[in-house]
Amino acid sequence: MLGVLTLLVFVSVAVVTALLGLRISDWRTRAVDRIKPRDRAVEPFIPSPSLIWQELVSRVGSLVPASPKDLPRLKRRLIRAGFRLQAAPLVFNGARVVSTVAFALLALVAGQQSHVAPGNLLYLTGGAAFLGYIAPMKYLSFRIRRRQRAIEKGLPNTLDLMVVCVESGLGLDQTTLQVAKELQFAYPEICEEFTVMNLEMRAGKRRNEALHNLAERAGVEELKKLVAVLIQTDRFGTSIAQSLRGHSDYMRVMARQRAEERAAKLAVKLVFPIFFCVLPSLFVVTVGPVLTKLVRDLLPMIENM
């Protein structure tokens, strides 16, 4: 009996010792795994449909002969619209070719389905191809106008923040960089332009040249005036804060005057909608029941006479 009890104690101690050893070795293995550098798994690259479409359109655009005289102007318009990629002109030319062919094919199919005469079908296809050719340029002009309006809208608040930064002791370069960081969610367009200007100055361009490039890229008249004020301030050594504050007040006065001008023009612009939309409905509502009653009462009297 004593031997059996001794054997059970020995087996129990051996099992507990083995489990503790396995547990300690497991902890050690996990600790080594935590501190050991991990091999990053290389995930397979799956291109998105937009990237595939952009690549196809750019390849089509590379086959289109481009005029060397029109290319700089097209690049400038693309930059003003916010397209800064190097392949943006190729994508634009490719999109113009694709839209021309697509509009022409759609018009051709629609004309055949509607049984249009061959002569009219030819005119319809040509008109649709022309619309497809000018559609990308119209969209580009729309993007440029929308971006310029966004820059004009955010410029007064940007100037106020620049005044605060300059009066707190920052230089002009640090001011534009700080403004680009603080207003990147409220006014991303003007912050993007300020960021590009700071990158140009870091690359070695002079401040005056970077400011001129800023005005040329944006194409906004108010921003051009601001650039002229900053260049004159830097050249003559006057107070930057005072110049920015004065220009900010000037911009707010101009914005108020433009709003008053639009309000004054509103009465003239409302003449045609009132004449063609409001007056006919008012005439029907007021005179319609009277005419109905007259016709209902007078026609029997005239027939009985």
Protein backbone atom coordinates (compact mmCIF):
# COMPACT_ATOMS: atom_id res chain seq x y z
CA MET A 1 0.00 0.00 0.00
CA LEU A 2 2.83 2.33 0.87
CA GLY A 3 4.53 1.54 -2.44
CA VAL A 4 1.43 2.35 -4.44
CA LEU A 5 1.05 5.68 -2.62
CA THR A 6 4.70 6.52 -3.27
CA LEU A 7 4.24 5.70 -6.97
CA LEU A 8 1.19 7.97 -7.23
CA VAL A 9 3.03 10.87 -5.58
CA PHE A 10 6.00 10.34 -7.92
CA VAL A 11 3.76 10.27 -11.02
CA SER A 12 1.84 13.36 -9.89
CA VAL A 13 5.05 15.31 -9.27
CA ALA A 14 6.41 14.24 -12.66
CA VAL A 15 3.23 15.26 -14.50
CA VAL A 16 3.08 18.66 -12.75
CA THR A 17 6.76 19.26 -13.47
CA ALA A 18 6.28 18.36 -17.14
CA LEU A 19 3.28 20.69 -17.48
CA LEU A 20 5.14 23.56 -15.83
CA GLY A 21 8.10 22.98 -18.14
CA LEU A 22 5.87 23.01 -21.21
CA ARG A 23 4.15 26.15 -19.96
CA ILE A 24 7.43 27.97 -19.33
CA SER A 25 8.78 26.94 -22.72
CA ASP A 26 5.56 28.18 -24.33
CA TRP A 27 5.94 31.56 -22.60
CA ARG A 28 9.52 31.77 -23.76
CA THR A 29 8.54 30.95 -27.35
CA ARG A 30 5.81 33.57 -27.35
CA ALA A 31 8.18 36.18 -25.91
CA VAL A 32 10.74 35.44 -28.61
CA ASP A 33 8.02 35.69 -31.25
CA ARG A 34 6.97 39.10 -29.94
CA ILE A 35 10.44 40.65 -30.13
CA LYS A 36 11.54 38.96 -33.32
CA PRO A 37 11.16 41.01 -36.54
CA ARG A 38 8.15 39.95 -38.51
CA ASP A 39 8.20 39.29 -42.20
CA ARG A 40 5.61 41.45 -43.88
CA ALA A 41 3.30 39.47 -46.03
CA VAL A 42 3.27 40.79 -49.56
CA GLU A 43 -0.34 41.10 -50.60
CA PRO A 44 -1.12 40.70 -54.26
CA PHE A 45 -1.74 44.03 -55.96
CA ILE A 46 -5.22 44.18 -57.45
CA PRO A 47 -5.68 47.35 -59.51
CA SER A 48 -8.97 49.15 -59.12
CA PRO A 49 -11.26 49.71 -62.12
CA SER A 50 -10.58 53.45 -61.99
CA LEU A 51 -6.83 52.89 -62.32
CA ILE A 52 -7.38 50.48 -65.21
CA TRP A 53 -9.67 52.99 -66.93
CA GLN A 54 -7.17 55.81 -66.37
CA GLU A 55 -4.34 53.72 -67.82
CA LEU A 56 -6.39 52.80 -70.88
CA VAL A 57 -7.47 56.41 -71.48
CA SER A 58 -3.90 57.68 -71.06
CA ARG A 59 -2.67 55.14 -73.61
CA VAL A 60 -5.33 56.30 -76.03
CA GLY A 61 -4.30 59.88 -75.37
CA SER A 62 -0.64 59.08 -76.06
CA LEU A 63 -1.63 58.03 -79.58
CA VAL A 64 -3.34 61.36 -80.27
CA PRO A 65 -1.04 63.95 -81.89
CA ALA A 66 -0.87 67.04 -79.66
CA SER A 67 0.12 70.51 -80.76
CA PRO A 68 3.21 71.84 -78.93
CA LYS A 69 1.64 75.30 -78.83
CA ASP A 70 -1.56 74.13 -77.14
CA LEU A 71 0.10 71.77 -74.66
CA PRO A 72 1.34 74.43 -72.17
CA ARG A 73 -2.07 76.11 -72.15
CA LEU A 74 -3.78 72.75 -71.58
CA LYS A 75 -1.40 71.95 -68.70
CA ARG A 76 -2.13 75.33 -67.13
CA ARG A 77 -5.88 74.76 -67.34
CA LEU A 78 -5.53 71.27 -65.87
CA ILE A 79 -3.49 72.63 -62.96
CA ARG A 80 -6.11 75.32 -62.34
CA ALA A 81 -8.73 72.58 -62.23
CA GLY A 82 -6.68 70.63 -59.66
CA PHE A 83 -5.20 67.92 -61.92
CA ARG A 84 -1.45 68.01 -61.22
CA LEU A 85 -0.36 64.57 -62.46
CA GLN A 86 2.20 64.45 -65.20
CA ALA A 87 -0.04 62.22 -67.30
CA ALA A 88 -3.05 64.56 -66.97
CA PRO A 89 -2.80 65.92 -70.57
CA LEU A 90 -2.67 62.36 -71.94
CA VAL A 91 -5.70 61.37 -69.87
CA PHE A 92 -7.57 64.47 -71.04
CA ASN A 93 -6.83 63.84 -74.71
CA GLY A 94 -7.76 60.18 -74.31
CA ALA A 95 -11.01 61.09 -72.57
CA ARG A 96 -11.82 63.47 -75.42
CA VAL A 97 -11.30 60.70 -78.01
CA VAL A 98 -13.28 58.16 -75.99
CA SER A 99 -16.18 60.56 -75.38
CA THR A 100 -16.30 61.51 -79.07
CA VAL A 101 -16.49 57.89 -80.19
CA ALA A 102 -18.94 56.95 -77.42
CA PHE A 103 -21.33 59.82 -78.19
CA ALA A 104 -21.22 59.07 -81.90
CA LEU A 105 -21.92 55.35 -81.36
CA LEU A 106 -24.78 56.06 -78.97
CA ALA A 107 -26.33 58.51 -81.41
CA LEU A 108 -25.91 56.01 -84.25
CA VAL A 109 -27.56 53.19 -82.29
CA ALA A 110 -30.38 55.45 -81.08
CA GLY A 111 -30.99 56.72 -84.62
CA GLN A 112 -31.13 53.21 -86.03
CA GLN A 113 -33.51 52.10 -83.31
CA SER A 114 -35.76 55.09 -84.04
CA HIS A 115 -35.60 54.46 -87.82
CA VAL A 116 -34.18 57.88 -88.63
CA ALA A 117 -33.54 58.73 -92.27
CA PRO A 118 -29.92 58.18 -93.43
CA GLY A 119 -29.31 61.87 -94.07
CA ASN A 120 -30.64 62.89 -90.68
CA LEU A 121 -28.75 60.01 -89.06
CA LEU A 122 -25.51 61.37 -90.47
CA TYR A 123 -26.23 64.83 -89.05
CA LEU A 124 -27.25 63.31 -85.71
CA THR A 125 -24.05 61.27 -85.47
CA GLY A 126 -21.89 64.27 -86.39
CA GLY A 127 -23.61 66.48 -83.82
CA ALA A 128 -23.22 63.85 -81.12
CA ALA A 129 -19.53 63.43 -81.98
CA PHE A 130 -19.07 67.19 -81.72
CA LEU A 131 -20.78 67.21 -78.32
CA GLY A 132 -18.54 64.37 -77.18
CA TYR A 133 -15.50 66.31 -78.35
CA ILE A 134 -16.34 69.49 -76.43
CA ALA A 135 -17.77 67.76 -73.32
CA PRO A 136 -14.37 67.19 -71.58
CA MET A 137 -13.38 70.82 -72.13
CA LYS A 138 -16.70 72.01 -70.72
CA TYR A 139 -16.22 69.78 -67.70
CA LEU A 140 -12.70 71.15 -67.28
CA SER A 141 -14.01 74.73 -67.41
CA PHE A 142 -16.65 73.83 -64.82
CA ARG A 143 -13.96 72.40 -62.51
CA ILE A 144 -11.83 75.53 -62.94
CA ARG A 145 -14.73 77.86 -62.09
CA ARG A 146 -15.75 75.80 -59.06
CA ARG A 147 -12.19 75.71 -57.73
CA GLN A 148 -11.69 79.43 -58.26
CA ARG A 149 -14.94 80.19 -56.43
CA ALA A 150 -13.78 78.00 -53.54
CA ILE A 151 -10.47 79.91 -53.39
CA GLU A 152 -12.28 83.26 -53.45
CA LYS A 153 -14.60 82.10 -50.68
CA GLY A 154 -11.79 80.99 -48.38
CA LEU A 155 -9.38 83.86 -49.03
CA PRO A 156 -10.76 86.39 -46.43
CA ASN A 157 -10.63 83.84 -43.58
CA THR A 158 -7.21 82.75 -44.75
CA LEU A 159 -6.01 86.35 -44.60
CA ASP A 160 -7.35 86.73 -41.06
CA LEU A 161 -5.44 83.65 -39.94
CA MET A 162 -2.32 84.91 -41.70
CA VAL A 163 -2.61 88.19 -39.79
CA VAL A 164 -2.83 86.27 -36.50
CA CYS A 165 0.21 84.17 -37.39
CA VAL A 166 2.29 87.17 -38.51
CA GLU A 167 1.41 89.17 -35.40
CA SER A 168 2.41 86.22 -33.22
CA GLY A 169 5.96 86.39 -34.62
CA LEU A 170 6.00 83.96 -37.55
CA GLY A 171 7.59 84.81 -40.86
CA LEU A 172 5.76 84.75 -44.16
CA ASP A 173 7.01 81.29 -45.10
CA GLN A 174 6.06 79.77 -41.75
CA THR A 175 2.74 81.63 -41.88
CA THR A 176 1.68 80.11 -45.19
CA LEU A 177 2.78 76.67 -44.00
CA GLN A 178 0.80 77.01 -40.75
CA VAL A 179 -2.28 78.26 -42.60
CA ALA A 180 -2.05 75.30 -44.98
CA LYS A 181 -2.05 72.95 -41.97
CA GLU A 182 -4.85 74.62 -40.04
CA LEU A 183 -7.33 75.15 -42.90
CA GLN A 184 -6.74 71.97 -44.88
CA PHE A 185 -10.23 70.65 -44.08
CA ALA A 186 -12.15 73.93 -44.31
CA TYR A 187 -10.54 75.29 -47.50
CA PRO A 188 -8.48 72.51 -49.10
CA GLU A 189 -8.03 74.31 -52.46
CA ILE A 190 -6.18 77.36 -51.16
CA CYS A 191 -4.25 75.22 -48.65
CA GLU A 192 -3.09 73.04 -51.52
CA GLU A 193 -1.81 76.09 -53.38
CA PHE A 194 0.04 77.33 -50.29
CA THR A 195 1.60 73.89 -49.81
CA VAL A 196 2.86 73.84 -53.40
CA MET A 197 4.30 77.34 -52.92
CA ASN A 198 6.18 76.21 -49.81
CA LEU A 199 7.53 73.17 -51.65
CA GLU A 200 8.77 75.42 -54.45
CA MET A 201 10.59 77.65 -51.98
CA ARG A 202 12.14 74.60 -50.31
CA ALA A 203 13.29 73.43 -53.72
CA GLY A 204 15.28 76.65 -54.16
CA LYS A 205 12.97 79.12 -55.86
CA ARG A 206 12.89 82.70 -54.69
CA ARG A 207 9.89 83.93 -52.77
CA ASN A 208 8.82 86.39 -55.45
CA GLU A 209 8.93 83.68 -58.11
CA ALA A 210 6.97 81.26 -55.92
CA LEU A 211 4.34 83.94 -55.28
CA HIS A 212 4.06 84.69 -59.01
CA ASN A 213 3.61 80.96 -59.68
CA LEU A 214 0.91 80.84 -57.01
CA ALA A 215 -1.07 83.59 -58.72
CA GLU A 216 -0.57 82.02 -62.15
CA ARG A 217 -1.67 78.55 -61.00
CA ALA A 218 -4.85 79.72 -59.29
CA GLY A 219 -5.94 82.30 -61.85
CA VAL A 220 -8.01 84.16 -59.21
CA GLU A 221 -7.98 87.94 -59.44
CA GLU A 222 -8.20 88.47 -55.69
CA LEU A 223 -5.28 86.13 -55.11
CA LYS A 224 -3.25 88.00 -57.72
CA LYS A 225 -3.87 91.22 -55.78
CA LEU A 226 -2.77 89.50 -52.57
CA VAL A 227 0.41 88.30 -54.26
CA ALA A 228 1.12 91.83 -55.49
CA VAL A 229 0.66 93.16 -51.93
CA LEU A 230 3.01 90.52 -50.49
CA ILE A 231 5.68 91.18 -53.12
CA GLN A 232 5.56 94.93 -52.53
CA THR A 233 5.67 94.41 -48.78
CA ASP A 234 8.69 92.13 -49.10
CA ARG A 235 10.42 94.55 -51.48
CA PHE A 236 9.91 97.77 -49.49
CA GLY A 237 10.12 96.27 -46.01
CA THR A 238 6.75 97.47 -44.74
CA SER A 239 4.66 95.75 -42.08
CA ILE A 240 3.25 92.46 -43.37
CA ALA A 241 0.52 92.31 -40.72
CA GLN A 242 -0.72 95.81 -41.52
CA SER A 243 -0.72 95.09 -45.26
CA LEU A 244 -2.59 91.81 -44.80
CA ARG A 245 -5.13 93.41 -42.49
CA GLY A 246 -5.78 96.23 -44.94
CA HIS A 247 -6.13 93.82 -47.85
CA SER A 248 -8.51 91.63 -45.82
CA ASP A 249 -10.74 94.65 -45.09
CA TYR A 250 -10.61 95.58 -48.77
CA MET A 251 -11.69 92.07 -49.80
CA ARG A 252 -14.60 92.06 -47.38
CA VAL A 253 -15.77 95.45 -48.67
CA MET A 254 -15.56 94.19 -52.24
CA ALA A 255 -17.50 91.04 -51.34
CA ARG A 256 -20.22 93.15 -49.71
CA GLN A 257 -20.41 95.42 -52.75
CA ARG A 258 -20.70 92.43 -55.08
CA ALA A 259 -23.53 91.06 -52.92
CA GLU A 260 -25.33 94.43 -53.04
CA GLU A 261 -24.88 94.52 -56.81
CA ARG A 262 -26.42 91.06 -57.18
CA ALA A 263 -29.30 92.06 -54.93
CA ALA A 264 -29.93 95.16 -57.05
CA LYS A 265 -30.01 93.06 -60.23
CA LEU A 266 -32.45 90.59 -58.70
CA ALA A 267 -35.54 92.72 -59.39
CA VAL A 268 -34.73 92.94 -63.10
CA LYS A 269 -33.97 89.22 -63.34
CA LEU A 270 -37.31 88.34 -61.71
CA VAL A 271 -39.36 90.13 -64.40
CA PHE A 272 -39.34 87.25 -66.88
CA PRO A 273 -40.07 84.44 -64.36
CA ILE A 274 -42.94 86.48 -62.92
CA PHE A 275 -44.32 87.33 -66.36
CA PHE A 276 -44.14 83.80 -67.78
CA CYS A 277 -44.71 81.66 -64.65
CA VAL A 278 -46.56 83.58 -61.93
CA LEU A 279 -48.94 85.80 -63.92
CA PRO A 280 -50.48 83.00 -66.05
CA SER A 281 -51.29 80.91 -63.00
CA LEU A 282 -52.64 83.97 -61.18
CA PHE A 283 -54.77 84.81 -64.22
CA VAL A 284 -56.19 81.28 -64.29
CA VAL A 285 -56.98 81.30 -60.57
CA THR A 286 -58.66 84.73 -60.54
CA VAL A 287 -60.37 84.96 -63.94
CA GLY A 288 -61.01 81.27 -64.55
CA PRO A 289 -64.05 80.86 -62.22
CA VAL A 290 -65.62 84.09 -63.53
CA LEU A 291 -65.28 82.96 -67.15
CA THR A 292 -66.68 79.54 -66.26
CA LYS A 293 -69.74 81.11 -64.59
CA LEU A 294 -70.30 83.50 -67.49
CA VAL A 295 -70.15 80.69 -70.03
CA ARG A 296 -72.45 78.51 -67.94
CA ASP A 297 -75.06 81.26 -67.42
CA LEU A 298 -74.90 83.19 -70.71
CA LEU A 299 -74.84 80.31 -73.21
CA PRO A 300 -78.30 78.98 -72.21
CA MET A 301 -79.68 82.52 -72.35
CA ILE A 302 -78.24 83.09 -75.82
CA GLU A 303 -79.64 79.76 -77.05
CA ASN A 304 -83.13 80.57 -75.70
CA MET A 305 -83.24 83.97 -77.36
